[in-house]
PDB file of N, CA and C in Angstrom:
ATOM      1  N   MET A   1      44.350 -28.313  20.042  1.00  0.00           N
ATOM      2  CA  MET A   1      44.163 -26.918  20.409  1.00  0.00           C
ATOM      3  C   MET A   1      43.869 -26.072  19.171  1.00  0.00           C
ATOM      4  N   MET A   2      44.664 -26.265  18.082  1.00  0.00           N
ATOM      5  CA  MET A   2      44.467 -25.491  16.861  1.00  0.00           C
ATOM      6  C   MET A   2      43.151 -25.870  16.185  1.00  0.00           C
ATOM      7  N   GLY A   3      42.767 -27.150  16.261  1.00  0.00           N
ATOM      8  CA  GLY A   3      41.508 -27.608  15.666  1.00  0.00           C
ATOM      9  C   GLY A   3      40.319 -26.941  16.332  1.00  0.00           C
ATOM     10  N   THR A   4      40.353 -26.832  17.651  1.00  0.00           N
ATOM     11  CA  THR A   4      39.277 -26.191  18.409  1.00  0.00           C
ATOM     12  C   THR A   4      39.203 -24.709  18.075  1.00  0.00           C
ATOM     13  N   LEU A   5      40.354 -24.081  17.917  1.00  0.00           N
ATOM     14  CA  LEU A   5      40.415 -22.662  17.587  1.00  0.00           C
ATOM     15  C   LEU A   5      39.841 -22.410  16.192  1.00  0.00           C
ATOM     16  N   LYS A   6      40.160 -23.284  15.231  1.00  0.00           N
ATOM     17  CA  LYS A   6      39.631 -23.156  13.867  1.00  0.00           C
ATOM     18  C   LYS A   6      38.110 -23.309  13.859  1.00  0.00           C
ATOM     19  N   ILE A   7      37.593 -24.270  14.603  1.00  0.00           N
ATOM     20  CA  ILE A   7      36.147 -24.484  14.677  1.00  0.00           C
ATOM     21  C   ILE A   7      35.461 -23.264  15.295  1.00  0.00           C
ATOM     22  N   ALA A   8      36.035 -22.731  16.363  1.00  0.00           N
ATOM     23  CA  ALA A   8      35.465 -21.551  17.021  1.00  0.00           C
ATOM     24  C   ALA A   8      35.470 -20.360  16.074  1.00  0.00           C
ATOM     25  N   LEU A   9      36.567 -20.157  15.345  1.00  0.00           N
ATOM     26  CA  LEU A   9      36.666 -19.057  14.385  1.00  0.00           C
ATOM     27  C   LEU A   9      35.638 -19.243  13.261  1.00  0.00           C
ATOM     28  N   TYR A  10      35.488 -20.467  12.779  1.00  0.00           N
ATOM     29  CA  TYR A  10      34.500 -20.767  11.745  1.00  0.00           C
ATOM     30  C   TYR A  10      33.083 -20.442  12.239  1.00  0.00           C
ATOM     31  N   LEU A  11      32.753 -20.839  13.443  1.00  0.00           N
ATOM     32  CA  LEU A  11      31.421 -20.567  14.011  1.00  0.00           C
ATOM     33  C   LEU A  11      31.178 -19.068  14.159  1.00  0.00           C
ATOM     34  N   VAL A  12      32.186 -18.317  14.545  1.00  0.00           N
ATOM     35  CA  VAL A  12      32.055 -16.862  14.670  1.00  0.00           C
ATOM     36  C   VAL A  12      31.786 -16.245  13.300  1.00  0.00           C
ATOM     37  N   ILE A  13      32.502 -16.691  12.267  1.00  0.00           N
ATOM     38  CA  ILE A  13      32.312 -16.163  10.909  1.00  0.00           C
ATOM     39  C   ILE A  13      30.907 -16.490  10.404  1.00  0.00           C
ATOM     40  N   VAL A  14      30.438 -17.714  10.630  1.00  0.00           N
ATOM     41  CA  VAL A  14      29.087 -18.109  10.208  1.00  0.00           C
ATOM     42  C   VAL A  14      28.043 -17.271  10.945  1.00  0.00           C
ATOM     43  N   PHE A  15      28.237 -17.050  12.242  1.00  0.00           N
ATOM     44  CA  PHE A  15      27.301 -16.250  13.035  1.00  0.00           C
ATOM     45  C   PHE A  15      27.240 -14.812  12.513  1.00  0.00           C
ATOM     46  N   ILE A  16      28.382 -14.221  12.216  1.00  0.00           N
ATOM     47  CA  ILE A  16      28.432 -12.841  11.700  1.00  0.00           C
ATOM     48  C   ILE A  16      27.736 -12.764  10.336  1.00  0.00           C
ATOM     49  N   ALA A  17      27.981 -13.749   9.483  1.00  0.00           N
ATOM     50  CA  ALA A  17      27.336 -13.777   8.165  1.00  0.00           C
ATOM     51  C   ALA A  17      25.810 -13.892   8.316  1.00  0.00           C
ATOM     52  N   TYR A  18      25.365 -14.739   9.230  1.00  0.00           N
ATOM     53  CA  TYR A  18      23.931 -14.911   9.472  1.00  0.00           C
ATOM     54  C   TYR A  18      23.315 -13.607   9.973  1.00  0.00           C
ATOM     55  N   LYS A  19      23.947 -12.970  10.920  1.00  0.00           N
ATOM     56  CA  LYS A  19      23.429 -11.705  11.465  1.00  0.00           C
ATOM     57  C   LYS A  19      23.382 -10.630  10.379  1.00  0.00           C
ATOM     58  N   GLY A  20      24.380 -10.600   9.509  1.00  0.00           N
ATOM     59  CA  GLY A  20      24.381  -9.644   8.404  1.00  0.00           C
ATOM     60  C   GLY A  20      23.229  -9.894   7.455  1.00  0.00           C
ATOM     61  N   TYR A  21      22.975 -11.159   7.127  1.00  0.00           N
ATOM     62  CA  TYR A  21      21.875 -11.529   6.245  1.00  0.00           C
ATOM     63  C   TYR A  21      20.530 -11.120   6.858  1.00  0.00           C
ATOM     64  N   VAL A  22      20.306 -11.420   8.126  1.00  0.00           N
ATOM     65  CA  VAL A  22      19.056 -11.072   8.806  1.00  0.00           C
ATOM     66  C   VAL A  22      18.867  -9.560   8.839  1.00  0.00           C
ATOM     67  N   ALA A  23      19.918  -8.829   9.140  1.00  0.00           N
ATOM     68  CA  ALA A  23      19.820  -7.366   9.182  1.00  0.00           C
ATOM     69  C   ALA A  23      19.480  -6.808   7.806  1.00  0.00           C
ATOM     70  N   PHE A  24      20.071  -7.351   6.762  1.00  0.00           N
ATOM     71  CA  PHE A  24      19.799  -6.895   5.395  1.00  0.00           C
ATOM     72  C   PHE A  24      18.351  -7.174   5.010  1.00  0.00           C
ATOM     73  N   LYS A  25      17.835  -8.377   5.301  1.00  0.00           N
ATOM     74  CA  LYS A  25      16.450  -8.720   4.970  1.00  0.00           C
ATOM     75  C   LYS A  25      15.477  -7.833   5.742  1.00  0.00           C
ATOM     76  N   ASN A  26      15.730  -7.608   7.016  1.00  0.00           N
ATOM     77  CA  ASN A  26      14.847  -6.745   7.813  1.00  0.00           C
ATOM     78  C   ASN A  26      14.874  -5.318   7.293  1.00  0.00           C
ATOM     79  N   PHE A  27      16.016  -4.858   6.834  1.00  0.00           N
ATOM     80  CA  PHE A  27      16.123  -3.509   6.272  1.00  0.00           C
ATOM     81  C   PHE A  27      15.279  -3.408   5.003  1.00  0.00           C
ATOM     82  N   GLU A  28      15.361  -4.429   4.115  1.00  0.00           N
ATOM     83  CA  GLU A  28      14.578  -4.427   2.875  1.00  0.00           C
ATOM     84  C   GLU A  28      13.085  -4.378   3.176  1.00  0.00           C
ATOM     85  N   ILE A  29      12.622  -5.201   4.083  1.00  0.00           N
ATOM     86  CA  ILE A  29      11.199  -5.256   4.436  1.00  0.00           C
ATOM     87  C   ILE A  29      10.778  -3.945   5.080  1.00  0.00           C
ATOM     88  N   GLY A  30      11.587  -3.417   5.967  1.00  0.00           N
ATOM     89  CA  GLY A  30      11.263  -2.165   6.657  1.00  0.00           C
ATOM     90  C   GLY A  30      11.164  -0.990   5.710  1.00  0.00           C
ATOM     91  N   VAL A  31      12.028  -0.936   4.708  1.00  0.00           N
ATOM     92  CA  VAL A  31      12.007   0.168   3.748  1.00  0.00           C
ATOM     93  C   VAL A  31      10.710   0.151   2.956  1.00  0.00           C
ATOM     94  N   GLY A  32      10.272  -1.025   2.506  1.00  0.00           N
ATOM     95  CA  GLY A  32       9.027  -1.140   1.746  1.00  0.00           C
ATOM     96  C   GLY A  32       7.827  -0.695   2.558  1.00  0.00           C
ATOM     97  N   ASP A  33       7.766  -1.112   3.814  1.00  0.00           N
ATOM     98  CA  ASP A  33       6.657  -0.718   4.687  1.00  0.00           C
ATOM     99  C   ASP A  33       6.673   0.776   4.955  1.00  0.00           C
ATOM    100  N   ARG A  34       7.856   1.341   5.206  1.00  0.00           N
ATOM    101  CA  ARG A  34       7.944   2.783   5.471  1.00  0.00           C
ATOM    102  C   ARG A  34       7.583   3.590   4.240  1.00  0.00           C
ATOM    103  N   LEU A  35       7.971   3.111   3.054  1.00  0.00           N
ATOM    104  CA  LEU A  35       7.639   3.810   1.818  1.00  0.00           C
ATOM    105  C   LEU A  35       6.125   3.861   1.618  1.00  0.00           C
ATOM    106  N   ALA A  36       5.430   2.746   1.835  1.00  0.00           N
ATOM    107  CA  ALA A  36       3.973   2.717   1.705  1.00  0.00           C
ATOM    108  C   ALA A  36       3.328   3.652   2.719  1.00  0.00           C
ATOM    109  N   GLU A  37       3.876   3.691   3.926  1.00  0.00           N
ATOM    110  CA  GLU A  37       3.364   4.576   4.980  1.00  0.00           C
ATOM    111  C   GLU A  37       3.530   6.045   4.589  1.00  0.00           C
ATOM    112  N   ILE A  38       4.689   6.397   4.067  1.00  0.00           N
ATOM    113  CA  ILE A  38       4.962   7.777   3.659  1.00  0.00           C
ATOM    114  C   ILE A  38       4.068   8.178   2.493  1.00  0.00           C
ATOM    115  N   GLU A  39       3.897   7.270   1.517  1.00  0.00           N
ATOM    116  CA  GLU A  39       3.030   7.565   0.375  1.00  0.00           C
ATOM    117  C   GLU A  39       1.601   7.813   0.826  1.00  0.00           C
ATOM    118  N   GLU A  40       1.130   7.022   1.792  1.00  0.00           N
ATOM    119  CA  GLU A  40      -0.240   7.182   2.287  1.00  0.00           C
ATOM    120  C   GLU A  40      -0.399   8.508   3.026  1.00  0.00           C
ATOM    121  N   ILE A  41       0.555   8.853   3.854  1.00  0.00           N
ATOM    122  CA  ILE A  41       0.496  10.107   4.618  1.00  0.00           C
ATOM    123  C   ILE A  41       0.586  11.310   3.685  1.00  0.00           C
ATOM    124  N   ALA A  42       1.448  11.210   2.671  1.00  0.00           N
ATOM    125  CA  ALA A  42       1.667  12.335   1.761  1.00  0.00           C
ATOM    126  C   ALA A  42       0.569  12.460   0.715  1.00  0.00           C
ATOM    127  N   ASP A  43      -0.415  11.569   0.743  1.00  0.00           N
ATOM    128  CA  ASP A  43      -1.504  11.602  -0.221  1.00  0.00           C
ATOM    129  C   ASP A  43      -0.969  11.437  -1.641  1.00  0.00           C
ATOM    130  N   PHE A  44       0.068  10.629  -1.780  1.00  0.00           N
ATOM    131  CA  PHE A  44       0.740  10.397  -3.056  1.00  0.00           C
ATOM    132  C   PHE A  44       0.022   9.276  -3.794  1.00  0.00           C
ATOM    133  N   GLU A  45      -0.378   9.524  -5.029  1.00  0.00           N
ATOM    134  CA  GLU A  45      -1.049   8.509  -5.836  1.00  0.00           C
ATOM    135  C   GLU A  45      -0.086   7.965  -6.873  1.00  0.00           C
ATOM    136  N   LYS A  46      -0.174   6.648  -7.105  1.00  0.00           N
ATOM    137  CA  LYS A  46       0.637   6.033  -8.145  1.00  0.00           C
ATOM    138  C   LYS A  46      -0.196   4.952  -8.818  1.00  0.00           C
ATOM    139  N   GLU A  47       0.239   4.562  -9.994  1.00  0.00           N
ATOM    140  CA  GLU A  47      -0.455   3.515 -10.735  1.00  0.00           C
ATOM    141  C   GLU A  47       0.326   2.227 -10.573  1.00  0.00           C
ATOM    142  N   GLY A  48      -0.391   1.116 -10.368  1.00  0.00           N
ATOM    143  CA  GLY A  48       0.288  -0.155 -10.215  1.00  0.00           C
ATOM    144  C   GLY A  48      -0.637  -1.325 -10.420  1.00  0.00           C
ATOM    145  N   GLU A  49      -0.028  -2.498 -10.539  1.00  0.00           N
ATOM    146  CA  GLU A  49      -0.772  -3.737 -10.716  1.00  0.00           C
ATOM    147  C   GLU A  49      -0.854  -4.447  -9.372  1.00  0.00           C
ATOM    148  N   VAL A  50      -2.085  -4.733  -8.915  1.00  0.00           N
ATOM    149  CA  VAL A  50      -2.303  -5.361  -7.614  1.00  0.00           C
ATOM    150  C   VAL A  50      -3.419  -6.399  -7.715  1.00  0.00           C
ATOM    151  N   ILE A  51      -3.562  -7.178  -6.655  1.00  0.00           N
ATOM    152  CA  ILE A  51      -4.670  -8.117  -6.522  1.00  0.00           C
ATOM    153  C   ILE A  51      -5.715  -7.437  -5.642  1.00  0.00           C
ATOM    154  N   GLY A  52      -6.960  -7.427  -6.111  1.00  0.00           N
ATOM    155  CA  GLY A  52      -8.016  -6.774  -5.358  1.00  0.00           C
ATOM    156  C   GLY A  52      -9.262  -7.632  -5.270  1.00  0.00           C
ATOM    157  N   LEU A  53     -10.008  -7.438  -4.197  1.00  0.00           N
ATOM    158  CA  LEU A  53     -11.305  -8.082  -4.007  1.00  0.00           C
ATOM    159  C   LEU A  53     -12.359  -7.093  -4.480  1.00  0.00           C
ATOM    160  N   MET A  54     -13.132  -7.476  -5.504  1.00  0.00           N
ATOM    161  CA  MET A  54     -14.131  -6.597  -6.103  1.00  0.00           C
ATOM    162  C   MET A  54     -15.523  -7.019  -5.657  1.00  0.00           C
ATOM    163  N   MET A  55     -16.375  -6.042  -5.323  1.00  0.00           N
ATOM    164  CA  MET A  55     -17.751  -6.318  -4.935  1.00  0.00           C
ATOM    165  C   MET A  55     -18.677  -5.668  -5.953  1.00  0.00           C
ATOM    166  N   TYR A  56     -19.582  -6.467  -6.495  1.00  0.00           N
ATOM    167  CA  TYR A  56     -20.532  -5.994  -7.493  1.00  0.00           C
ATOM    168  C   TYR A  56     -21.951  -6.098  -6.931  1.00  0.00           C
ATOM    169  N   LEU A  57     -22.755  -5.079  -7.192  1.00  0.00           N
ATOM    170  CA  LEU A  57     -24.161  -5.060  -6.784  1.00  0.00           C
ATOM    171  C   LEU A  57     -25.028  -4.695  -7.981  1.00  0.00           C
ATOM    172  N   GLY A  58     -26.300  -5.104  -7.927  1.00  0.00           N
ATOM    173  CA  GLY A  58     -27.269  -4.703  -8.934  1.00  0.00           C
ATOM    174  C   GLY A  58     -27.426  -5.691 -10.061  1.00  0.00           C
ATOM    175  N   ASP A  59     -28.367  -5.335 -10.974  1.00  0.00           N
ATOM    176  CA  ASP A  59     -28.620  -6.152 -12.148  1.00  0.00           C
ATOM    177  C   ASP A  59     -28.774  -5.230 -13.339  1.00  0.00           C
ATOM    178  N   PRO A  60     -27.820  -5.080 -14.206  1.00  0.00           N
ATOM    179  CA  PRO A  60     -26.576  -5.844 -14.309  1.00  0.00           C
ATOM    180  C   PRO A  60     -25.604  -5.449 -13.202  1.00  0.00           C
ATOM    181  N   PRO A  61     -24.708  -6.371 -12.841  1.00  0.00           N
ATOM    182  CA  PRO A  61     -23.760  -6.091 -11.753  1.00  0.00           C
ATOM    183  C   PRO A  61     -22.894  -4.861 -12.046  1.00  0.00           C
ATOM    184  N   LYS A  62     -22.758  -4.012 -11.036  1.00  0.00           N
ATOM    185  CA  LYS A  62     -21.940  -2.798 -11.148  1.00  0.00           C
ATOM    186  C   LYS A  62     -20.918  -2.802 -10.008  1.00  0.00           C
ATOM    187  N   LEU A  63     -19.664  -2.514 -10.335  1.00  0.00           N
ATOM    188  CA  LEU A  63     -18.605  -2.474  -9.327  1.00  0.00           C
ATOM    189  C   LEU A  63     -18.905  -1.361  -8.335  1.00  0.00           C
ATOM    190  N   THR A  64     -19.054  -1.729  -7.061  1.00  0.00           N
ATOM    191  CA  THR A  64     -19.351  -0.727  -6.033  1.00  0.00           C
ATOM    192  C   THR A  64     -18.244  -0.563  -5.014  1.00  0.00           C
ATOM    193  N   GLU A  65     -17.470  -1.609  -4.788  1.00  0.00           N
ATOM    194  CA  GLU A  65     -16.377  -1.553  -3.808  1.00  0.00           C
ATOM    195  C   GLU A  65     -15.180  -2.352  -4.320  1.00  0.00           C
ATOM    196  N   HIS A  66     -14.000  -1.962  -3.870  1.00  0.00           N
ATOM    197  CA  HIS A  66     -12.786  -2.698  -4.187  1.00  0.00           C
ATOM    198  C   HIS A  66     -11.846  -2.583  -3.008  1.00  0.00           C
ATOM    199  N   LEU A  67     -11.100  -3.659  -2.764  1.00  0.00           N
ATOM    200  CA  LEU A  67     -10.217  -3.717  -1.595  1.00  0.00           C
ATOM    201  C   LEU A  67      -8.880  -4.323  -2.002  1.00  0.00           C
ATOM    202  N   TYR A  68      -7.798  -3.629  -1.663  1.00  0.00           N
ATOM    203  CA  TYR A  68      -6.436  -4.126  -1.895  1.00  0.00           C
ATOM    204  C   TYR A  68      -6.217  -5.352  -1.021  1.00  0.00           C
ATOM    205  N   THR A  69      -5.624  -6.408  -1.591  1.00  0.00           N
ATOM    206  CA  THR A  69      -5.291  -7.596  -0.800  1.00  0.00           C
ATOM    207  C   THR A  69      -3.814  -7.929  -0.972  1.00  0.00           C
ATOM    208  N   ALA A  70      -3.280  -8.649  -0.013  1.00  0.00           N
ATOM    209  CA  ALA A  70      -1.846  -8.967   0.002  1.00  0.00           C
ATOM    210  C   ALA A  70      -1.448  -9.956  -1.085  1.00  0.00           C
ATOM    211  N   GLY A  71      -2.375 -10.766  -1.566  1.00  0.00           N
ATOM    212  CA  GLY A  71      -2.041 -11.748  -2.589  1.00  0.00           C
ATOM    213  C   GLY A  71      -3.248 -12.576  -2.978  1.00  0.00           C
ATOM    214  N   ARG A  72      -3.021 -13.511  -3.883  1.00  0.00           N
ATOM    215  CA  ARG A  72      -4.102 -14.347  -4.407  1.00  0.00           C
ATOM    216  C   ARG A  72      -4.795 -15.148  -3.305  1.00  0.00           C
ATOM    217  N   SER A  73      -4.024 -15.844  -2.497  1.00  0.00           N
ATOM    218  CA  SER A  73      -4.628 -16.715  -1.478  1.00  0.00           C
ATOM    219  C   SER A  73      -5.414 -15.902  -0.453  1.00  0.00           C
ATOM    220  N   LYS A  74      -4.893 -14.754  -0.057  1.00  0.00           N
ATOM    221  CA  LYS A  74      -5.601 -13.907   0.906  1.00  0.00           C
ATOM    222  C   LYS A  74      -6.903 -13.393   0.293  1.00  0.00           C
ATOM    223  N   CYS A  75      -6.866 -13.015  -0.980  1.00  0.00           N
ATOM    224  CA  CYS A  75      -8.052 -12.515  -1.661  1.00  0.00           C
ATOM    225  C   CYS A  75      -9.125 -13.603  -1.730  1.00  0.00           C
ATOM    226  N   LEU A  76      -8.733 -14.810  -2.123  1.00  0.00           N
ATOM    227  CA  LEU A  76      -9.696 -15.905  -2.236  1.00  0.00           C
ATOM    228  C   LEU A  76     -10.300 -16.260  -0.877  1.00  0.00           C
ATOM    229  N   GLU A  77      -9.486 -16.179   0.166  1.00  0.00           N
ATOM    230  CA  GLU A  77      -9.966 -16.436   1.531  1.00  0.00           C
ATOM    231  C   GLU A  77     -11.003 -15.382   1.929  1.00  0.00           C
ATOM    232  N   MET A  78     -10.700 -14.109   1.653  1.00  0.00           N
ATOM    233  CA  MET A  78     -11.620 -13.020   1.988  1.00  0.00           C
ATOM    234  C   MET A  78     -12.901 -13.104   1.145  1.00  0.00           C
ATOM    235  N   LYS A  79     -12.772 -13.525  -0.111  1.00  0.00           N
ATOM    236  CA  LYS A  79     -13.930 -13.677  -1.000  1.00  0.00           C
ATOM    237  C   LYS A  79     -14.886 -14.721  -0.439  1.00  0.00           C
ATOM    238  N   GLN A  80     -14.352 -15.841   0.009  1.00  0.00           N
ATOM    239  CA  GLN A  80     -15.184 -16.910   0.552  1.00  0.00           C
ATOM    240  C   GLN A  80     -15.961 -16.424   1.776  1.00  0.00           C
ATOM    241  N   ILE A  81     -15.301 -15.712   2.662  1.00  0.00           N
ATOM    242  CA  ILE A  81     -15.961 -15.181   3.860  1.00  0.00           C
ATOM    243  C   ILE A  81     -17.046 -14.179   3.470  1.00  0.00           C
ATOM    244  N   ALA A  82     -16.741 -13.295   2.516  1.00  0.00           N
ATOM    245  CA  ALA A  82     -17.694 -12.272   2.083  1.00  0.00           C
ATOM    246  C   ALA A  82     -18.931 -12.901   1.457  1.00  0.00           C
ATOM    247  N   GLU A  83     -18.735 -13.928   0.638  1.00  0.00           N
ATOM    248  CA  GLU A  83     -19.873 -14.572  -0.021  1.00  0.00           C
ATOM    249  C   GLU A  83     -20.772 -15.294   0.974  1.00  0.00           C
ATOM    250  N   GLU A  84     -20.210 -15.759   2.073  1.00  0.00           N
ATOM    251  CA  GLU A  84     -21.009 -16.441   3.095  1.00  0.00           C
ATOM    252  C   GLU A  84     -21.857 -15.468   3.903  1.00  0.00           C
ATOM    253  N   THR A  85     -21.464 -14.196   3.921  1.00  0.00           N
ATOM    254  CA  THR A  85     -22.150 -13.218   4.777  1.00  0.00           C
ATOM    255  C   THR A  85     -22.862 -12.122   3.998  1.00  0.00           C
ATOM    256  N   SER A  86     -22.907 -12.226   2.655  1.00  0.00           N
ATOM    257  CA  SER A  86     -23.480 -11.152   1.854  1.00  0.00           C
ATOM    258  C   SER A  86     -24.154 -11.715   0.608  1.00  0.00           C
ATOM    259  N   PHE A  87     -25.068 -10.927   0.030  1.00  0.00           N
ATOM    260  CA  PHE A  87     -25.737 -11.331  -1.201  1.00  0.00           C
ATOM    261  C   PHE A  87     -25.083 -10.716  -2.433  1.00  0.00           C
ATOM    262  N   ALA A  88     -24.032  -9.961  -2.260  1.00  0.00           N
ATOM    263  CA  ALA A  88     -23.337  -9.327  -3.379  1.00  0.00           C
ATOM    264  C   ALA A  88     -22.509 -10.376  -4.133  1.00  0.00           C
ATOM    265  N   TYR A  89     -22.093 -10.019  -5.352  1.00  0.00           N
ATOM    266  CA  TYR A  89     -21.209 -10.872  -6.144  1.00  0.00           C
ATOM    267  C   TYR A  89     -19.785 -10.377  -5.936  1.00  0.00           C
ATOM    268  N   TYR A  90     -18.870 -11.293  -5.628  1.00  0.00           N
ATOM    269  CA  TYR A  90     -17.474 -10.950  -5.379  1.00  0.00           C
ATOM    270  C   TYR A  90     -16.574 -11.672  -6.364  1.00  0.00           C
ATOM    271  N   GLU A  91     -15.461 -11.032  -6.718  1.00  0.00           N
ATOM    272  CA  GLU A  91     -14.427 -11.695  -7.495  1.00  0.00           C
ATOM    273  C   GLU A  91     -13.065 -11.138  -7.114  1.00  0.00           C
ATOM    274  N   CYS A  92     -12.079 -12.008  -7.199  1.00  0.00           N
ATOM    275  CA  CYS A  92     -10.692 -11.592  -7.010  1.00  0.00           C
ATOM    276  C   CYS A  92     -10.123 -11.350  -8.400  1.00  0.00           C
ATOM    277  N   ALA A  93      -9.395 -10.260  -8.546  1.00  0.00           N
ATOM    278  CA  ALA A  93      -8.856  -9.939  -9.860  1.00  0.00           C
ATOM    279  C   ALA A  93      -7.510  -9.240  -9.732  1.00  0.00           C
ATOM    280  N   ARG A  94      -6.687  -9.480 -10.743  1.00  0.00           N
ATOM    281  CA  ARG A  94      -5.442  -8.724 -10.889  1.00  0.00           C
ATOM    282  C   ARG A  94      -5.831  -7.499 -11.695  1.00  0.00           C
ATOM    283  N   VAL A  95      -5.593  -6.319 -11.132  1.00  0.00           N
ATOM    284  CA  VAL A  95      -6.047  -5.081 -11.756  1.00  0.00           C
ATOM    285  C   VAL A  95      -4.920  -4.064 -11.857  1.00  0.00           C
ATOM    286  N   ASN A  96      -5.050  -3.188 -12.825  1.00  0.00           N
ATOM    287  CA  ASN A  96      -4.196  -2.015 -12.908  1.00  0.00           C
ATOM    288  C   ASN A  96      -5.010  -0.916 -12.233  1.00  0.00           C
ATOM    289  N   ALA A  97      -4.460  -0.305 -11.194  1.00  0.00           N
ATOM    290  CA  ALA A  97      -5.245   0.626 -10.387  1.00  0.00           C
ATOM    291  C   ALA A  97      -4.425   1.830  -9.952  1.00  0.00           C
ATOM    292  N   VAL A  98      -5.142   2.873  -9.558  1.00  0.00           N
ATOM    293  CA  VAL A  98      -4.524   4.031  -8.920  1.00  0.00           C
ATOM    294  C   VAL A  98      -4.500   3.713  -7.430  1.00  0.00           C
ATOM    295  N   LEU A  99      -3.313   3.833  -6.821  1.00  0.00           N
ATOM    296  CA  LEU A  99      -3.129   3.462  -5.416  1.00  0.00           C
ATOM    297  C   LEU A  99      -2.681   4.655  -4.587  1.00  0.00           C
ATOM    298  N   LYS A 100      -3.131   4.682  -3.351  1.00  0.00           N
ATOM    299  CA  LYS A 100      -2.616   5.594  -2.318  1.00  0.00           C
ATOM    300  C   LYS A 100      -2.126   4.696  -1.205  1.00  0.00           C
ATOM    301  N   GLY A 101      -0.820   4.560  -1.089  1.00  0.00           N
ATOM    302  CA  GLY A 101      -0.274   3.625  -0.108  1.00  0.00           C
ATOM    303  C   GLY A 101      -0.715   2.223  -0.478  1.00  0.00           C
ATOM    304  N   LYS A 102      -1.428   1.559   0.415  1.00  0.00           N
ATOM    305  CA  LYS A 102      -1.943   0.214   0.150  1.00  0.00           C
ATOM    306  C   LYS A 102      -3.462   0.244   0.026  1.00  0.00           C
ATOM    307  N   LYS A 103      -3.985   1.293  -0.594  1.00  0.00           N
ATOM    308  CA  LYS A 103      -5.422   1.419  -0.816  1.00  0.00           C
ATOM    309  C   LYS A 103      -5.676   1.662  -2.293  1.00  0.00           C
ATOM    310  N   ILE A 104      -6.677   0.953  -2.835  1.00  0.00           N
ATOM    311  CA  ILE A 104      -7.078   1.167  -4.220  1.00  0.00           C
ATOM    312  C   ILE A 104      -8.006   2.377  -4.260  1.00  0.00           C
ATOM    313  N   VAL A 105      -7.634   3.386  -5.051  1.00  0.00           N
ATOM    314  CA  VAL A 105      -8.452   4.584  -5.202  1.00  0.00           C
ATOM    315  C   VAL A 105      -9.392   4.425  -6.395  1.00  0.00           C
ATOM    316  N   ASN A 106      -8.860   3.875  -7.486  1.00  0.00           N
ATOM    317  CA  ASN A 106      -9.642   3.755  -8.710  1.00  0.00           C
ATOM    318  C   ASN A 106      -9.118   2.585  -9.534  1.00  0.00           C
ATOM    319  N   ILE A 107     -10.022   1.828 -10.141  1.00  0.00           N
ATOM    320  CA  ILE A 107      -9.643   0.726 -11.022  1.00  0.00           C
ATOM    321  C   ILE A 107      -9.523   1.273 -12.439  1.00  0.00           C
ATOM    322  N   ILE A 108      -8.351   1.080 -13.057  1.00  0.00           N
ATOM    323  CA  ILE A 108      -8.140   1.513 -14.434  1.00  0.00           C
ATOM    324  C   ILE A 108      -8.540   0.396 -15.393  1.00  0.00           C
ATOM    325  N   GLU A 109      -8.078  -0.820 -15.086  1.00  0.00           N
ATOM    326  CA  GLU A 109      -8.329  -1.941 -15.982  1.00  0.00           C
ATOM    327  C   GLU A 109      -8.270  -3.243 -15.199  1.00  0.00           C
ATOM    328  N   GLU A 110      -9.214  -4.139 -15.473  1.00  0.00           N
ATOM    329  CA  GLU A 110      -9.184  -5.476 -14.897  1.00  0.00           C
ATOM    330  C   GLU A 110      -8.381  -6.361 -15.835  1.00  0.00           C
ATOM    331  N   ILE A 111      -7.289  -6.928 -15.354  1.00  0.00           N
ATOM    332  CA  ILE A 111      -6.377  -7.696 -16.193  1.00  0.00           C
ATOM    333  C   ILE A 111      -6.752  -9.172 -16.232  1.00  0.00           C
ATOM    334  N   GLU A 112      -7.035  -9.739 -15.052  1.00  0.00           N
ATOM    335  CA  GLU A 112      -7.296 -11.177 -14.970  1.00  0.00           C
ATOM    336  C   GLU A 112      -8.156 -11.474 -13.760  1.00  0.00           C
ATOM    337  N   VAL A 113      -9.193 -12.300 -13.955  1.00  0.00           N
ATOM    338  CA  VAL A 113     -10.017 -12.763 -12.837  1.00  0.00           C
ATOM    339  C   VAL A 113      -9.335 -13.997 -12.265  1.00  0.00           C
ATOM    340  N   ILE A 114      -9.237 -14.047 -10.945  1.00  0.00           N
ATOM    341  CA  ILE A 114      -8.562 -15.146 -10.246  1.00  0.00           C
ATOM    342  C   ILE A 114      -9.609 -16.094  -9.702  1.00  0.00           C
ATOM    343  N   GLU A 115      -9.482 -17.341 -10.050  1.00  0.00           N
ATOM    344  CA  GLU A 115     -10.446 -18.369  -9.587  1.00  0.00           C
ATOM    345  C   GLU A 115      -9.860 -19.172  -8.457  1.00  0.00           C
TER     346      GLU A 115
END
């Protein structure tokens, strides 16, 4: 009887700990998303380092478009699709940029080209 009670109490404690962990992680993710949303609505600009997909046109190539991407793999995936459907030159790069929410407003410096 006592063994069963101890096991049940242990399972309840593990369940509560798990629920606390999940709630904490969801809170962290939610805060980041809400902050980006508020910054975008408030027209707040900040400087940061991000991964972006760059599009170059002309001869010599001139940067004409840039797009914020979630990460290296997503950028490379988008680059491959863009190159298959366009004659422009594309590259993924880690850049220091002026951001509004999750949008690149201006490129300050190209730090590293991602292959």
